[in-house]
Amino acid sequence: HGKSLGSGKNKDWSRVKFGAGRYRLFFRYSEKEKVIILGWMNDENTLRTYGKKTDAYTVFSKMLKRGHPPADWESLTQETEENH
């Protein structure tokens, strides 16, 4: 799987890099439930650019602080099921 987003409350989120290292796909998974939930993928407006407000990690961190996607697994799976 991809690398974790560090320690703290975002440690359950992982990411994979692609597209010359400028794109990120953030996801969570449960080995127990055998489920992968895609949280967010950046686009050309949020390329990986260190120190910028539009950097993929900065944007995704702000999304997590606002509660979307949800931090806890139960709320995340519930929201995913409601939207699909």
N, C-alpha and C. Protein backbone atom coordinates (compact mmCIF):
# COMPACT_ATOMS: atom_id res chain seq x y z
N HIS A 1 0.84 -1.19 0.00
CA HIS A 1 0.00 0.00 0.00
C HIS A 1 0.87 1.24 0.00
N GLY A 2 0.25 2.39 -0.13
CA GLY A 2 1.00 3.64 -0.18
C GLY A 2 1.49 4.06 1.18
N LYS A 3 2.21 5.16 1.21
CA LYS A 3 2.75 5.66 2.47
C LYS A 3 1.67 6.39 3.25
N SER A 4 1.80 6.32 4.58
CA SER A 4 0.88 6.98 5.49
C SER A 4 1.13 8.49 5.48
N LEU A 5 0.14 9.25 5.93
CA LEU A 5 0.28 10.70 6.03
C LEU A 5 0.88 11.11 7.36
N GLY A 6 1.73 10.29 7.93
CA GLY A 6 2.43 10.63 9.15
C GLY A 6 1.74 10.13 10.39
N SER A 7 1.99 10.80 11.50
CA SER A 7 1.40 10.39 12.77
C SER A 7 0.19 11.26 13.06
N GLY A 8 -0.39 11.05 14.22
CA GLY A 8 -1.55 11.83 14.59
C GLY A 8 -2.82 11.29 13.99
N LYS A 9 -3.83 12.15 13.91
CA LYS A 9 -5.14 11.66 13.47
C LYS A 9 -5.23 11.39 11.98
N ASN A 10 -4.26 11.80 11.20
CA ASN A 10 -4.28 11.51 9.75
C ASN A 10 -3.47 10.27 9.38
N LYS A 11 -2.95 9.57 10.37
CA LYS A 11 -2.07 8.43 10.10
C LYS A 11 -2.77 7.28 9.38
N ASP A 12 -4.08 7.21 9.45
CA ASP A 12 -4.81 6.14 8.78
C ASP A 12 -4.96 6.38 7.28
N TRP A 13 -4.67 7.60 6.84
CA TRP A 13 -4.75 7.91 5.41
C TRP A 13 -3.42 7.57 4.75
N SER A 14 -3.49 6.99 3.58
CA SER A 14 -2.30 6.66 2.80
C SER A 14 -2.38 7.39 1.47
N ARG A 15 -1.27 7.36 0.74
CA ARG A 15 -1.28 8.00 -0.58
C ARG A 15 -0.37 7.23 -1.51
N VAL A 16 -0.67 7.37 -2.78
CA VAL A 16 0.21 6.86 -3.83
C VAL A 16 0.56 8.03 -4.74
N LYS A 17 1.76 7.99 -5.29
CA LYS A 17 2.23 9.04 -6.21
C LYS A 17 2.22 8.50 -7.63
N PHE A 18 1.93 9.39 -8.57
CA PHE A 18 2.00 9.04 -9.99
C PHE A 18 2.08 10.31 -10.80
N GLY A 19 2.18 10.19 -12.11
CA GLY A 19 2.22 11.36 -12.98
C GLY A 19 3.43 12.24 -12.74
N ALA A 20 4.61 11.66 -12.88
CA ALA A 20 5.88 12.39 -12.69
C ALA A 20 6.00 12.95 -11.27
N GLY A 21 5.35 12.29 -10.31
CA GLY A 21 5.46 12.69 -8.92
C GLY A 21 4.66 13.90 -8.52
N ARG A 22 3.80 14.40 -9.37
CA ARG A 22 3.03 15.61 -9.07
C ARG A 22 1.60 15.33 -8.64
N TYR A 23 1.14 14.09 -8.85
CA TYR A 23 -0.23 13.72 -8.50
C TYR A 23 -0.24 12.79 -7.30
N ARG A 24 -1.29 12.91 -6.48
CA ARG A 24 -1.47 12.06 -5.31
C ARG A 24 -2.90 11.55 -5.27
N LEU A 25 -3.02 10.29 -4.88
CA LEU A 25 -4.33 9.68 -4.63
C LEU A 25 -4.32 9.30 -3.15
N PHE A 26 -5.23 9.88 -2.38
CA PHE A 26 -5.32 9.62 -0.95
C PHE A 26 -6.42 8.60 -0.70
N PHE A 27 -6.13 7.63 0.16
CA PHE A 27 -7.09 6.55 0.41
C PHE A 27 -6.93 5.98 1.81
N ARG A 28 -7.97 5.27 2.23
CA ARG A 28 -7.92 4.49 3.47
C ARG A 28 -8.34 3.08 3.12
N TYR A 29 -7.89 2.14 3.93
CA TYR A 29 -8.24 0.74 3.68
C TYR A 29 -8.42 0.01 5.00
N SER A 30 -9.15 -1.09 4.91
CA SER A 30 -9.34 -1.98 6.05
C SER A 30 -9.01 -3.39 5.58
N GLU A 31 -7.94 -3.94 6.14
CA GLU A 31 -7.60 -5.33 5.81
C GLU A 31 -8.67 -6.27 6.33
N LYS A 32 -9.22 -5.94 7.50
CA LYS A 32 -10.25 -6.78 8.11
C LYS A 32 -11.48 -6.88 7.21
N GLU A 33 -11.95 -5.73 6.72
CA GLU A 33 -13.15 -5.69 5.89
C GLU A 33 -12.84 -5.87 4.40
N LYS A 34 -11.57 -5.87 4.06
CA LYS A 34 -11.14 -5.98 2.66
C LYS A 34 -11.78 -4.89 1.79
N VAL A 35 -11.63 -3.64 2.28
CA VAL A 35 -12.24 -2.49 1.62
C VAL A 35 -11.18 -1.39 1.46
N ILE A 36 -11.19 -0.75 0.30
CA ILE A 36 -10.37 0.43 0.05
C ILE A 36 -11.33 1.56 -0.29
N ILE A 37 -11.16 2.70 0.37
CA ILE A 37 -12.00 3.87 0.10
C ILE A 37 -11.09 4.98 -0.42
N LEU A 38 -11.40 5.46 -1.62
CA LEU A 38 -10.65 6.56 -2.21
C LEU A 38 -11.17 7.86 -1.62
N GLY A 39 -10.27 8.64 -1.06
CA GLY A 39 -10.66 9.89 -0.41
C GLY A 39 -10.64 11.08 -1.35
N TRP A 40 -9.54 11.22 -2.10
CA TRP A 40 -9.40 12.38 -2.98
C TRP A 40 -8.17 12.20 -3.86
N MET A 41 -8.25 12.72 -5.07
CA MET A 41 -7.12 12.75 -5.98
C MET A 41 -6.97 14.18 -6.48
N ASN A 42 -5.75 14.69 -6.43
CA ASN A 42 -5.55 16.07 -6.90
C ASN A 42 -5.63 16.15 -8.42
N ASP A 43 -5.72 17.40 -8.90
CA ASP A 43 -5.82 17.64 -10.34
C ASP A 43 -4.76 18.66 -10.75
N GLU A 44 -4.87 19.18 -11.95
CA GLU A 44 -3.86 20.12 -12.45
C GLU A 44 -3.82 21.43 -11.67
N ASN A 45 -4.87 21.73 -10.90
CA ASN A 45 -4.89 22.95 -10.08
C ASN A 45 -4.27 22.75 -8.70
N THR A 46 -4.01 21.50 -8.35
CA THR A 46 -3.47 21.19 -7.02
C THR A 46 -2.28 20.24 -7.11
N LEU A 47 -1.41 20.48 -8.07
CA LEU A 47 -0.23 19.64 -8.25
C LEU A 47 0.68 19.73 -7.03
N ARG A 48 1.47 18.70 -6.82
CA ARG A 48 2.42 18.69 -5.71
C ARG A 48 3.44 19.78 -5.94
N THR A 49 3.38 20.84 -5.12
CA THR A 49 4.28 21.98 -5.22
C THR A 49 4.61 22.42 -3.80
N TYR A 50 5.79 22.09 -3.32
CA TYR A 50 6.19 22.37 -1.95
C TYR A 50 5.99 23.83 -1.57
N GLY A 51 5.33 24.04 -0.43
CA GLY A 51 5.16 25.38 0.11
C GLY A 51 4.02 26.20 -0.47
N LYS A 52 3.33 25.71 -1.47
CA LYS A 52 2.23 26.46 -2.08
C LYS A 52 0.91 26.15 -1.37
N LYS A 53 -0.01 27.12 -1.37
CA LYS A 53 -1.34 26.90 -0.79
C LYS A 53 -2.12 25.86 -1.57
N THR A 54 -1.77 25.69 -2.84
CA THR A 54 -2.49 24.73 -3.69
C THR A 54 -1.81 23.36 -3.74
N ASP A 55 -0.78 23.16 -2.92
CA ASP A 55 -0.10 21.86 -2.86
C ASP A 55 -1.10 20.77 -2.47
N ALA A 56 -0.97 19.60 -3.06
CA ALA A 56 -1.92 18.50 -2.83
C ALA A 56 -2.05 18.17 -1.34
N TYR A 57 -0.94 18.11 -0.61
CA TYR A 57 -1.00 17.77 0.82
C TYR A 57 -1.68 18.88 1.62
N THR A 58 -1.40 20.12 1.28
CA THR A 58 -2.03 21.25 1.96
C THR A 58 -3.53 21.24 1.75
N VAL A 59 -3.95 21.05 0.53
CA VAL A 59 -5.39 21.02 0.20
C VAL A 59 -6.07 19.86 0.91
N PHE A 60 -5.49 18.67 0.86
CA PHE A 60 -6.12 17.50 1.49
C PHE A 60 -6.14 17.65 3.01
N SER A 61 -5.11 18.21 3.61
CA SER A 61 -5.09 18.44 5.06
C SER A 61 -6.21 19.39 5.47
N LYS A 62 -6.44 20.43 4.69
CA LYS A 62 -7.54 21.37 4.98
C LYS A 62 -8.89 20.67 4.86
N MET A 63 -9.02 19.79 3.88
CA MET A 63 -10.26 19.03 3.71
C MET A 63 -10.51 18.18 4.95
N LEU A 64 -9.47 17.50 5.43
CA LEU A 64 -9.61 16.66 6.62
C LEU A 64 -9.98 17.48 7.85
N LYS A 65 -9.38 18.66 8.00
CA LYS A 65 -9.70 19.54 9.13
C LYS A 65 -11.17 19.97 9.10
N ARG A 66 -11.73 20.12 7.89
CA ARG A 66 -13.14 20.51 7.75
C ARG A 66 -14.07 19.31 7.90
N GLY A 67 -13.50 18.11 8.03
CA GLY A 67 -14.33 16.92 8.25
C GLY A 67 -14.81 16.24 6.99
N HIS A 68 -14.22 16.61 5.85
CA HIS A 68 -14.60 15.94 4.61
C HIS A 68 -13.36 15.60 3.81
N PRO A 69 -13.03 14.37 3.72
CA PRO A 69 -13.76 13.19 4.16
C PRO A 69 -13.68 13.00 5.67
N PRO A 70 -14.67 12.27 6.23
CA PRO A 70 -14.71 12.05 7.68
C PRO A 70 -13.46 11.35 8.20
N ALA A 71 -13.13 11.62 9.47
CA ALA A 71 -11.93 11.06 10.08
C ALA A 71 -12.11 9.62 10.54
N ASP A 72 -13.29 9.28 11.04
CA ASP A 72 -13.46 7.93 11.57
C ASP A 72 -13.99 6.98 10.50
N TRP A 73 -13.59 5.72 10.61
CA TRP A 73 -13.89 4.71 9.59
C TRP A 73 -15.39 4.52 9.41
N GLU A 74 -16.14 4.46 10.50
CA GLU A 74 -17.59 4.23 10.40
C GLU A 74 -18.28 5.34 9.61
N SER A 75 -17.97 6.59 9.92
CA SER A 75 -18.57 7.71 9.18
C SER A 75 -18.13 7.73 7.73
N LEU A 76 -16.88 7.39 7.50
CA LEU A 76 -16.35 7.36 6.13
C LEU A 76 -17.06 6.30 5.29
N THR A 77 -17.23 5.11 5.84
CA THR A 77 -17.92 4.05 5.07
C THR A 77 -19.39 4.40 4.87
N GLN A 78 -20.01 5.00 5.88
CA GLN A 78 -21.42 5.39 5.76
C GLN A 78 -21.58 6.44 4.66
N GLU A 79 -20.72 7.45 4.66
CA GLU A 79 -20.81 8.50 3.63
C GLU A 79 -20.56 7.92 2.24
N THR A 80 -19.62 7.00 2.15
CA THR A 80 -19.32 6.36 0.87
C THR A 80 -20.52 5.59 0.34
N GLU A 81 -21.18 4.85 1.22
CA GLU A 81 -22.35 4.07 0.82
C GLU A 81 -23.51 4.97 0.41
N GLU A 82 -23.68 6.10 1.09
CA GLU A 82 -24.76 7.03 0.76
C GLU A 82 -24.54 7.70 -0.60
N ASN A 83 -23.28 7.93 -0.95
CA ASN A 83 -22.96 8.64 -2.20
C ASN A 83 -22.83 7.72 -3.40
N HIS A 84 -22.90 6.41 -3.21
CA HIS A 84 -22.73 5.50 -4.35
C HIS A 84 -23.80 4.48 -4.33
